[in-house]
Amino acid sequence: MELTLQTGRIEDLDTPEAHLKFIRAQWGDFAAFSYKKYLLEGRGAVVFDLKNPFRSEVGFEIRTHYIAERSSQLAKLGGWPSDEIKNVIAEYDPEQDVVFLFLRINGDVFHYNVTDELTPMKAFHTRSSHAHH
């Protein structure tokens, strides 16, 4: 999955307000994506890599990954960035919540455990039932 930024500055997305606004704007997609990946790969987080954007005709694109526990991607990352994040991943409810990690430009990692009335499980089922029609 990708996120395309219309603004010219990646820094504009690298604030907690922007992170949350962005999650809210595409919540249904992220929730369905996260639950689908959870079913396939197990517990994990949706990770936005703000440090390595690539430019496209329309602006910046931010790579979005789902990184599961015990995956090779997580090993490449060197494990979860902190014990706090490791605990969040161990304890969140995949049917209700999505854990988002933002790898920030300055090397920090911000995490959010987000839930909504449209739960990941509902978002996934709504989208997969539309896909069959």
Protein backbone atom coordinates (compact mmCIF):
# COMPACT_ATOMS: atom_id res chain seq x y z
CA MET A 1 0.00 0.00 0.00
CA GLU A 2 1.17 3.49 -0.65
CA LEU A 3 0.30 6.90 0.57
CA THR A 4 0.71 9.75 -1.84
CA LEU A 5 1.41 13.20 -0.50
CA GLN A 6 0.30 16.11 -2.63
CA THR A 7 2.38 18.65 -0.73
CA GLY A 8 5.97 19.10 -1.68
CA ARG A 9 7.37 18.58 1.80
CA ILE A 10 7.62 15.28 3.54
CA GLU A 11 8.12 17.20 6.80
CA ASP A 12 4.48 18.29 6.53
CA LEU A 13 3.42 14.75 7.29
CA ASP A 14 5.90 14.24 10.07
CA THR A 15 3.93 15.60 13.02
CA PRO A 16 1.62 13.74 15.40
CA GLU A 17 -1.37 15.81 14.17
CA ALA A 18 -0.61 14.92 10.58
CA HIS A 19 -0.08 11.26 11.46
CA LEU A 20 -3.51 11.04 13.07
CA LYS A 21 -5.24 13.04 10.38
CA PHE A 22 -3.76 10.76 7.79
CA ILE A 23 -4.80 7.60 9.68
CA ARG A 24 -8.36 8.96 10.02
CA ALA A 25 -8.56 9.93 6.35
CA GLN A 26 -7.82 6.40 5.16
CA TRP A 27 -8.92 4.43 8.19
CA GLY A 28 -11.17 1.97 6.33
CA ASP A 29 -8.40 0.96 3.95
CA PHE A 30 -5.77 0.65 6.66
CA ALA A 31 -8.12 -1.26 8.96
CA ALA A 32 -9.03 -3.77 6.25
CA PHE A 33 -5.39 -4.07 5.13
CA SER A 34 -4.21 -4.63 8.70
CA TYR A 35 -6.80 -7.30 9.45
CA LYS A 36 -6.15 -9.13 6.20
CA LYS A 37 -2.42 -9.18 6.96
CA TYR A 38 -3.12 -10.26 10.52
CA LEU A 39 -5.08 -13.26 9.20
CA LEU A 40 -2.19 -14.16 6.89
CA GLU A 41 0.84 -13.29 8.99
CA GLY A 42 -0.25 -12.84 12.60
CA ARG A 43 0.04 -9.86 14.96
CA GLY A 44 1.91 -6.84 13.74
CA ALA A 45 1.80 -3.17 12.86
CA VAL A 46 1.15 -0.98 9.84
CA VAL A 47 4.43 0.84 9.33
CA PHE A 48 4.94 4.12 7.48
CA ASP A 49 8.48 4.82 6.48
CA LEU A 50 8.83 8.60 6.31
CA LYS A 51 12.60 8.34 6.08
CA ASN A 52 12.60 6.76 2.63
CA PRO A 53 9.94 8.43 0.50
CA PHE A 54 10.17 8.34 -3.24
CA ARG A 55 9.09 11.07 -5.57
CA SER A 56 6.43 10.43 -8.17
CA GLU A 57 4.67 12.71 -10.66
CA VAL A 58 2.02 13.55 -8.08
CA GLY A 59 4.23 14.19 -5.07
CA PHE A 60 5.84 11.94 -2.53
CA GLU A 61 4.91 8.37 -1.97
CA ILE A 62 5.40 6.84 1.43
CA ARG A 63 5.87 3.11 1.54
CA THR A 64 3.43 1.38 3.82
CA HIS A 65 4.17 -2.10 5.11
CA TYR A 66 2.59 -4.52 7.49
CA ILE A 67 5.32 -5.90 9.68
CA ALA A 68 4.41 -9.03 11.60
CA GLU A 69 6.06 -10.43 14.69
CA ARG A 70 8.77 -12.95 13.89
CA SER A 71 8.87 -11.83 10.23
CA SER A 72 12.01 -11.31 8.18
CA GLN A 73 10.95 -7.65 7.76
CA LEU A 74 10.98 -7.23 11.53
CA ALA A 75 14.40 -8.86 11.72
CA LYS A 76 15.61 -6.34 9.09
CA LEU A 77 14.25 -3.54 11.22
CA GLY A 78 16.29 -4.95 14.11
CA GLY A 79 13.19 -5.94 16.08
CA TRP A 80 10.52 -3.63 17.47
CA PRO A 81 12.02 -0.20 18.19
CA SER A 82 11.16 -0.26 21.91
CA ASP A 83 9.80 -2.50 24.64
CA GLU A 84 6.76 -0.28 24.80
CA ILE A 85 5.97 -1.00 21.14
CA LYS A 86 6.71 -4.69 21.65
CA ASN A 87 4.12 -4.74 24.46
CA VAL A 88 1.54 -2.87 22.37
CA ILE A 89 1.96 -5.46 19.59
CA ALA A 90 1.62 -8.28 22.12
CA GLU A 91 -1.54 -6.85 23.68
CA TYR A 92 -3.64 -5.15 21.01
CA ASP A 93 -6.86 -6.76 19.78
CA PRO A 94 -6.49 -7.31 16.00
CA GLU A 95 -10.25 -7.48 15.52
CA GLN A 96 -10.73 -4.04 17.13
CA ASP A 97 -7.45 -2.11 16.85
CA VAL A 98 -4.69 -1.27 14.43
CA VAL A 99 -1.18 -0.45 15.60
CA PHE A 100 0.54 2.14 13.42
CA LEU A 101 4.26 2.90 13.52
CA PHE A 102 5.70 6.00 11.92
CA LEU A 103 9.43 5.87 11.24
CA ARG A 104 10.15 9.57 11.50
CA ILE A 105 12.67 11.58 9.54
CA ASN A 106 14.77 12.26 12.64
CA GLY A 107 15.00 8.56 13.49
CA ASP A 108 12.28 8.55 16.17
CA VAL A 109 9.47 6.03 16.01
CA PHE A 110 5.95 7.11 16.97
CA HIS A 111 3.25 4.55 17.55
CA TYR A 112 -0.52 4.76 17.77
CA ASN A 113 -3.02 2.12 18.79
CA VAL A 114 -6.20 3.19 16.98
CA THR A 115 -9.71 1.86 17.13
CA ASP A 116 -12.90 3.02 15.46
CA GLU A 117 -16.54 2.06 15.15
CA LEU A 118 -15.60 0.56 11.83
CA THR A 119 -13.42 -2.16 13.31
CA PRO A 120 -10.65 -3.81 11.28
CA MET A 121 -12.69 -7.00 11.12
CA LYS A 122 -15.78 -5.13 9.83
CA ALA A 123 -13.72 -3.08 7.39
CA PHE A 124 -12.15 -6.25 6.01
CA HIS A 125 -15.48 -8.09 5.64
CA THR A 126 -17.20 -5.08 4.07
CA ARG A 127 -14.45 -4.74 1.51
CA SER A 128 -14.12 -8.41 0.75
CA SER A 129 -17.88 -8.79 0.29
CA HIS A 130 -17.87 -5.85 -2.18
CA ALA A 131 -15.04 -7.47 -4.08
CA HIS A 132 -17.18 -10.51 -4.86
CA HIS A 133 -20.02 -8.60 -6.51
